[in-house]
Amino acid sequence: MNNSLNEILRNRVKEKLARDEVVASMMVRLVRGVEIVRIAKTAGFDTFYVDMEHCSFSLEATGQICLAALEAGIPAFVRVPANTPEYIARVLDGGAMGVIAPHVRSADDARAVVHAARFAPQGERSANSGLPHLQYRSFPTEEANLALNRATMVIVMMEAVQALERVEEIAAVDGVDMMLVGVNDLTAEWGVPGQYDDPRVEVAFERTIAACRAQGKHVGIGGLGSRPDLVEKFVGMGARFVSTGTDLGFLTAACTAKAAAVASLRT
């Protein structure tokens, strides 16, 4: 394979995971401009993802952020609002280095995501030349598609009880790179929303980590930004991708702390 193509399509998150290192990520829900890319990189994050499922960002705004991320050398992922080709293929064509698919409940759901995200023979993504990932340069289609398949991450959410019951089958789907455990939706389905100390949370991580380890896949932690103790515990168990919180949450927390500091001053 062309060495320059290999360098252009480096996915540093995949490289860190391959070395069994922990990846720090953040969610983008508030800042629509490309400035968030530089903020994320300056802060020291390995990656971030635009959370289109829970924000009103357009495909255009999302694409601009992903394009800026390519130039900054920090892989950007997108959590799509629906696991359909018209979202998955378009965010990837726009510059995302990976897709996060919410509410995957079965192996068939996971296979559908893979088919939309990967070029043949792994999937059914439509070939498209001159992608931003390739710096709008021309490469032989077969070579470029193979390189893009290798660089692109397919991440499926494990956030439903039905998914947990089938986690081994989902982890075995060829083309899935990671399962991201969504604790908030999972506890909500159990009828204990936000109760992260519920013993079923630990069991869910144990089962997901075991299933992914058996298939050479990775596990991510989502929804536990307020519980560093649990994040440390689950990383110790084998999870390697940590979603730390949102740009909105970080801004609100910092502003609140500054306002409180000033309010506490004595005159």
Protein backbone atom coordinates (compact mmCIF):
# COMPACT_ATOMS: atom_id res chain seq x y z
CA MET A 1 0.00 0.00 0.00
CA ASN A 2 1.15 3.54 -0.75
CA ASN A 3 3.16 4.78 2.25
CA SER A 4 1.85 8.34 1.87
CA LEU A 5 -1.71 7.01 1.95
CA ASN A 6 -0.94 5.12 5.14
CA GLU A 7 0.36 8.31 6.74
CA ILE A 8 -2.55 10.44 5.54
CA LEU A 9 -5.06 7.97 6.99
CA ARG A 10 -3.49 7.45 10.40
CA ASN A 11 -6.10 6.97 13.09
CA ARG A 12 -4.25 7.65 16.31
CA VAL A 13 -7.13 6.32 18.41
CA LYS A 14 -6.88 2.92 16.74
CA GLU A 15 -3.12 3.01 17.28
CA LYS A 16 -3.49 3.73 21.01
CA LEU A 17 -6.10 1.03 21.43
CA ALA A 18 -3.86 -1.45 19.62
CA ARG A 19 -1.19 -0.66 22.24
CA ASP A 20 -3.78 -1.26 25.00
CA GLU A 21 -3.63 2.39 26.07
CA VAL A 22 -6.53 4.38 27.48
CA VAL A 23 -8.17 6.88 25.12
CA ALA A 24 -9.65 10.13 26.46
CA SER A 25 -12.64 11.54 24.57
CA MET A 26 -15.20 14.32 24.95
CA MET A 27 -18.61 14.99 23.42
CA VAL A 28 -19.41 18.07 21.36
CA ARG A 29 -22.98 19.30 21.70
CA LEU A 30 -22.68 23.06 22.07
CA VAL A 31 -19.84 24.61 20.03
CA ARG A 32 -20.74 24.62 16.34
CA GLY A 33 -17.50 26.23 15.16
CA VAL A 34 -14.15 24.67 14.34
CA GLU A 35 -12.66 26.26 17.47
CA ILE A 36 -13.79 23.20 19.45
CA VAL A 37 -11.21 21.12 17.57
CA ARG A 38 -8.30 23.22 18.80
CA ILE A 39 -9.78 23.35 22.31
CA ALA A 40 -10.05 19.55 22.44
CA LYS A 41 -6.51 19.07 21.20
CA THR A 42 -5.02 21.75 23.46
CA ALA A 43 -6.82 20.19 26.44
CA GLY A 44 -5.10 16.90 25.67
CA PHE A 45 -7.96 14.77 24.41
CA ASP A 46 -7.12 11.94 22.03
CA THR A 47 -10.40 12.35 20.19
CA PHE A 48 -13.90 13.81 20.43
CA TYR A 49 -17.25 13.03 18.93
CA VAL A 50 -20.01 15.23 17.65
CA ASP A 51 -23.18 14.01 19.32
CA MET A 52 -25.73 14.50 16.57
CA GLU A 53 -28.14 12.26 18.45
CA HIS A 54 -28.51 14.84 21.21
CA CYS A 55 -27.88 18.19 19.55
CA SER A 56 -29.24 20.24 16.66
CA PHE A 57 -26.03 20.37 14.61
CA SER A 58 -26.48 20.21 10.87
CA LEU A 59 -24.53 17.86 8.62
CA GLU A 60 -22.73 20.94 7.30
CA ALA A 61 -21.56 22.08 10.74
CA THR A 62 -20.58 18.53 11.65
CA GLY A 63 -18.59 18.15 8.45
CA GLN A 64 -16.71 21.39 9.02
CA ILE A 65 -15.71 20.29 12.51
CA CYS A 66 -14.58 16.88 11.23
CA LEU A 67 -12.60 18.48 8.41
CA ALA A 68 -10.83 20.77 10.89
CA ALA A 69 -10.06 17.73 13.02
CA LEU A 70 -8.38 16.02 10.09
CA GLU A 71 -6.13 19.04 9.64
CA ALA A 72 -5.37 19.20 13.37
CA GLY A 73 -4.49 15.51 13.54
CA ILE A 74 -7.14 14.55 16.10
CA PRO A 75 -9.62 11.88 14.96
CA ALA A 76 -13.24 13.02 15.12
CA PHE A 77 -16.14 10.61 15.41
CA VAL A 78 -19.86 11.27 15.03
CA ARG A 79 -22.71 9.73 16.99
CA VAL A 80 -25.44 9.65 14.38
CA PRO A 81 -29.10 10.34 15.21
CA ALA A 82 -30.21 7.24 13.31
CA ASN A 83 -28.35 4.15 12.12
CA THR A 84 -29.20 4.67 8.47
CA PRO A 85 -26.88 4.93 5.45
CA GLU A 86 -27.93 8.49 4.71
CA TYR A 87 -26.48 9.56 8.06
CA ILE A 88 -23.62 7.10 8.44
CA ALA A 89 -22.18 7.46 4.93
CA ARG A 90 -22.58 11.23 4.85
CA VAL A 91 -20.81 11.94 8.14
CA LEU A 92 -17.98 9.64 7.07
CA ASP A 93 -17.77 11.28 3.65
CA GLY A 94 -17.70 14.64 5.44
CA GLY A 95 -14.51 13.84 7.33
CA ALA A 96 -15.37 11.70 10.36
CA MET A 97 -12.87 8.97 11.17
CA GLY A 98 -15.53 6.82 12.74
CA VAL A 99 -19.19 6.47 13.51
CA ILE A 100 -20.90 5.80 16.83
CA ALA A 101 -24.20 3.97 16.36
CA PRO A 102 -26.76 4.35 19.18
CA HIS A 103 -29.40 1.86 20.29
CA VAL A 104 -27.91 -1.21 18.64
CA ARG A 105 -29.90 -4.13 20.01
CA SER A 106 -28.83 -7.13 17.95
CA ALA A 107 -26.14 -8.57 15.73
CA ASP A 108 -28.31 -7.73 12.73
CA ASP A 109 -28.40 -4.07 13.83
CA ALA A 110 -24.60 -4.09 14.14
CA ARG A 111 -24.15 -5.69 10.74
CA ALA A 112 -26.35 -3.01 9.16
CA VAL A 113 -24.10 -0.32 10.65
CA VAL A 114 -20.98 -2.05 9.35
CA HIS A 115 -22.50 -2.39 5.87
CA ALA A 116 -23.24 1.35 5.80
CA ALA A 117 -19.83 2.38 7.15
CA ARG A 118 -17.45 0.19 5.18
CA PHE A 119 -16.68 -0.20 1.50
CA ALA A 120 -16.89 -3.57 -0.25
CA PRO A 121 -16.12 -6.32 0.45
CA GLN A 122 -16.79 -5.54 4.14
CA GLY A 123 -19.83 -3.38 3.47
CA GLU A 124 -21.96 -1.52 0.99
CA ARG A 125 -20.77 2.07 1.41
CA SER A 126 -20.86 3.87 -1.92
CA ALA A 127 -17.45 4.61 -3.42
CA ASN A 128 -16.57 8.31 -3.47
CA SER A 129 -13.34 9.80 -4.75
CA GLY A 130 -11.61 12.91 -3.44
CA LEU A 131 -12.60 12.54 0.20
CA PRO A 132 -11.22 15.02 2.75
CA HIS A 133 -9.49 12.13 4.52
CA LEU A 134 -7.37 11.78 1.38
CA GLN A 135 -6.63 15.53 1.26
CA TYR A 136 -8.85 15.61 -1.85
CA ARG A 137 -6.14 13.72 -3.71
CA SER A 138 -6.75 10.91 -6.18
CA PHE A 139 -5.71 7.36 -5.34
CA PRO A 140 -6.65 4.07 -6.99
CA THR A 141 -10.15 3.23 -5.76
CA GLU A 142 -9.34 -0.26 -4.52
CA GLU A 143 -6.31 0.99 -2.59
CA ALA A 144 -8.13 3.99 -1.11
CA ASN A 145 -11.19 2.00 -0.05
CA LEU A 146 -9.05 -0.63 1.66
CA ALA A 147 -7.13 2.05 3.54
CA LEU A 148 -10.32 3.85 4.53
CA ASN A 149 -11.86 0.62 5.81
CA ARG A 150 -8.80 0.06 7.98
CA ALA A 151 -8.74 3.62 9.32
CA THR A 152 -12.47 4.01 9.98
CA MET A 153 -13.80 2.97 13.38
CA VAL A 154 -17.23 1.42 13.80
CA ILE A 155 -18.45 1.86 17.37
CA VAL A 156 -21.80 0.47 18.50
CA MET A 157 -23.55 1.53 21.68
CA MET A 158 -24.37 -1.10 24.29
CA GLU A 159 -27.08 0.87 26.08
CA ALA A 160 -30.17 -1.35 25.96
CA VAL A 161 -31.07 -4.39 28.03
CA GLN A 162 -31.76 -6.26 24.81
CA ALA A 163 -28.23 -5.50 23.62
CA LEU A 164 -26.75 -6.71 26.91
CA GLU A 165 -28.61 -9.98 26.56
CA ARG A 166 -27.02 -10.42 23.12
CA VAL A 167 -23.67 -8.78 23.76
CA GLU A 168 -21.62 -11.82 22.75
CA GLU A 169 -23.38 -12.01 19.37
CA ILE A 170 -22.93 -8.28 18.74
CA ALA A 171 -19.25 -8.34 19.71
CA ALA A 172 -18.69 -11.15 17.22
CA VAL A 173 -19.90 -9.09 14.23
CA ASP A 174 -17.05 -8.63 11.78
CA GLY A 175 -16.25 -4.97 11.21
CA VAL A 176 -17.26 -3.71 14.67
CA ASP A 177 -14.28 -2.17 16.46
CA MET A 178 -15.73 -1.17 19.80
CA MET A 179 -18.76 -1.41 22.06
CA LEU A 180 -19.47 1.78 24.01
CA VAL A 181 -21.47 1.10 27.17
CA GLY A 182 -24.10 3.81 27.62
CA VAL A 183 -24.80 3.74 31.34
CA ASN A 184 -27.53 6.39 31.39
CA ASP A 185 -29.87 4.66 28.95
CA LEU A 186 -29.09 1.27 30.44
CA THR A 187 -30.00 2.31 33.99
CA ALA A 188 -33.10 4.07 32.66
CA GLU A 189 -34.29 0.82 31.08
CA TRP A 190 -33.75 -0.94 34.38
CA GLY A 191 -35.97 1.66 36.04
CA VAL A 192 -33.11 3.14 38.11
CA PRO A 193 -32.00 6.12 36.02
CA GLY A 194 -28.69 7.59 37.13
CA GLN A 195 -28.12 5.00 39.84
CA TYR A 196 -24.61 4.08 38.76
CA ASP A 197 -23.89 2.01 41.86
CA ASP A 198 -26.57 -0.48 40.92
CA PRO A 199 -24.72 -3.83 40.85
CA ARG A 200 -26.05 -4.54 37.36
CA VAL A 201 -23.83 -1.77 35.98
CA GLU A 202 -20.67 -3.61 36.98
CA VAL A 203 -22.09 -6.87 35.64
CA ALA A 204 -22.83 -5.15 32.31
CA PHE A 205 -19.21 -4.01 32.04
CA GLU A 206 -17.89 -7.42 33.04
CA ARG A 207 -19.96 -9.16 30.39
CA THR A 208 -19.23 -6.60 27.67
CA ILE A 209 -15.49 -6.60 28.37
CA ALA A 210 -15.38 -10.41 28.33
CA ALA A 211 -17.33 -10.58 25.07
CA CYS A 212 -15.14 -7.98 23.36
CA ARG A 213 -11.90 -9.43 24.66
CA ALA A 214 -12.85 -12.81 23.19
CA GLN A 215 -13.26 -11.17 19.77
CA GLY A 216 -10.30 -8.77 19.91
CA LYS A 217 -12.60 -5.75 20.23
CA HIS A 218 -12.49 -2.75 22.57
CA VAL A 219 -14.87 -1.39 25.21
CA GLY A 220 -15.76 2.23 25.92
CA ILE A 221 -17.24 3.93 28.97
CA GLY A 222 -20.07 6.42 28.47
CA GLY A 223 -22.16 8.42 30.90
CA LEU A 224 -19.86 8.24 33.91
CA GLY A 225 -18.11 11.60 33.68
CA SER A 226 -19.36 12.45 37.17
CA ARG A 227 -18.00 9.21 38.65
CA PRO A 228 -14.22 9.03 38.23
CA ASP A 229 -14.15 6.23 40.79
CA LEU A 230 -16.23 4.00 38.55
CA VAL A 231 -14.30 5.04 35.45
CA GLU A 232 -11.07 3.97 37.18
CA LYS A 233 -12.68 0.69 38.21
CA PHE A 234 -13.92 -0.19 34.74
CA VAL A 235 -10.65 0.83 33.09
CA GLY A 236 -8.97 -1.52 35.54
CA MET A 237 -11.33 -4.24 34.33
CA GLY A 238 -10.32 -3.65 30.71
CA ALA A 239 -12.29 -0.75 29.23
CA ARG A 240 -10.02 1.49 27.18
CA PHE A 241 -12.11 4.36 25.76
CA VAL A 242 -13.45 6.98 28.18
CA SER A 243 -16.09 9.53 27.25
CA THR A 244 -15.44 12.21 29.85
CA GLY A 245 -18.37 14.58 29.33
CA THR A 246 -19.68 17.34 27.07
CA ASP A 247 -18.39 20.74 26.06
CA LEU A 248 -21.58 22.19 27.57
CA GLY A 249 -20.96 20.41 30.87
CA PHE A 250 -17.34 21.53 31.02
CA LEU A 251 -18.25 25.16 30.31
CA THR A 252 -21.07 25.21 32.84
CA ALA A 253 -18.89 23.64 35.55
CA ALA A 254 -16.04 26.10 34.98
CA CYS A 255 -18.37 29.10 34.93
CA THR A 256 -20.15 27.95 38.07
CA ALA A 257 -16.84 27.49 39.91
CA LYS A 258 -15.63 30.98 38.92
CA ALA A 259 -18.87 32.64 39.93
CA ALA A 260 -18.86 30.82 43.26
CA ALA A 261 -15.25 31.85 43.88
CA VAL A 262 -16.07 35.51 43.37
CA ALA A 263 -19.25 35.25 45.45
CA SER A 264 -17.20 33.87 48.34
CA LEU A 265 -14.81 36.83 48.46
CA ARG A 266 -14.95 38.93 51.57
CA THR A 267 -14.91 42.71 51.30
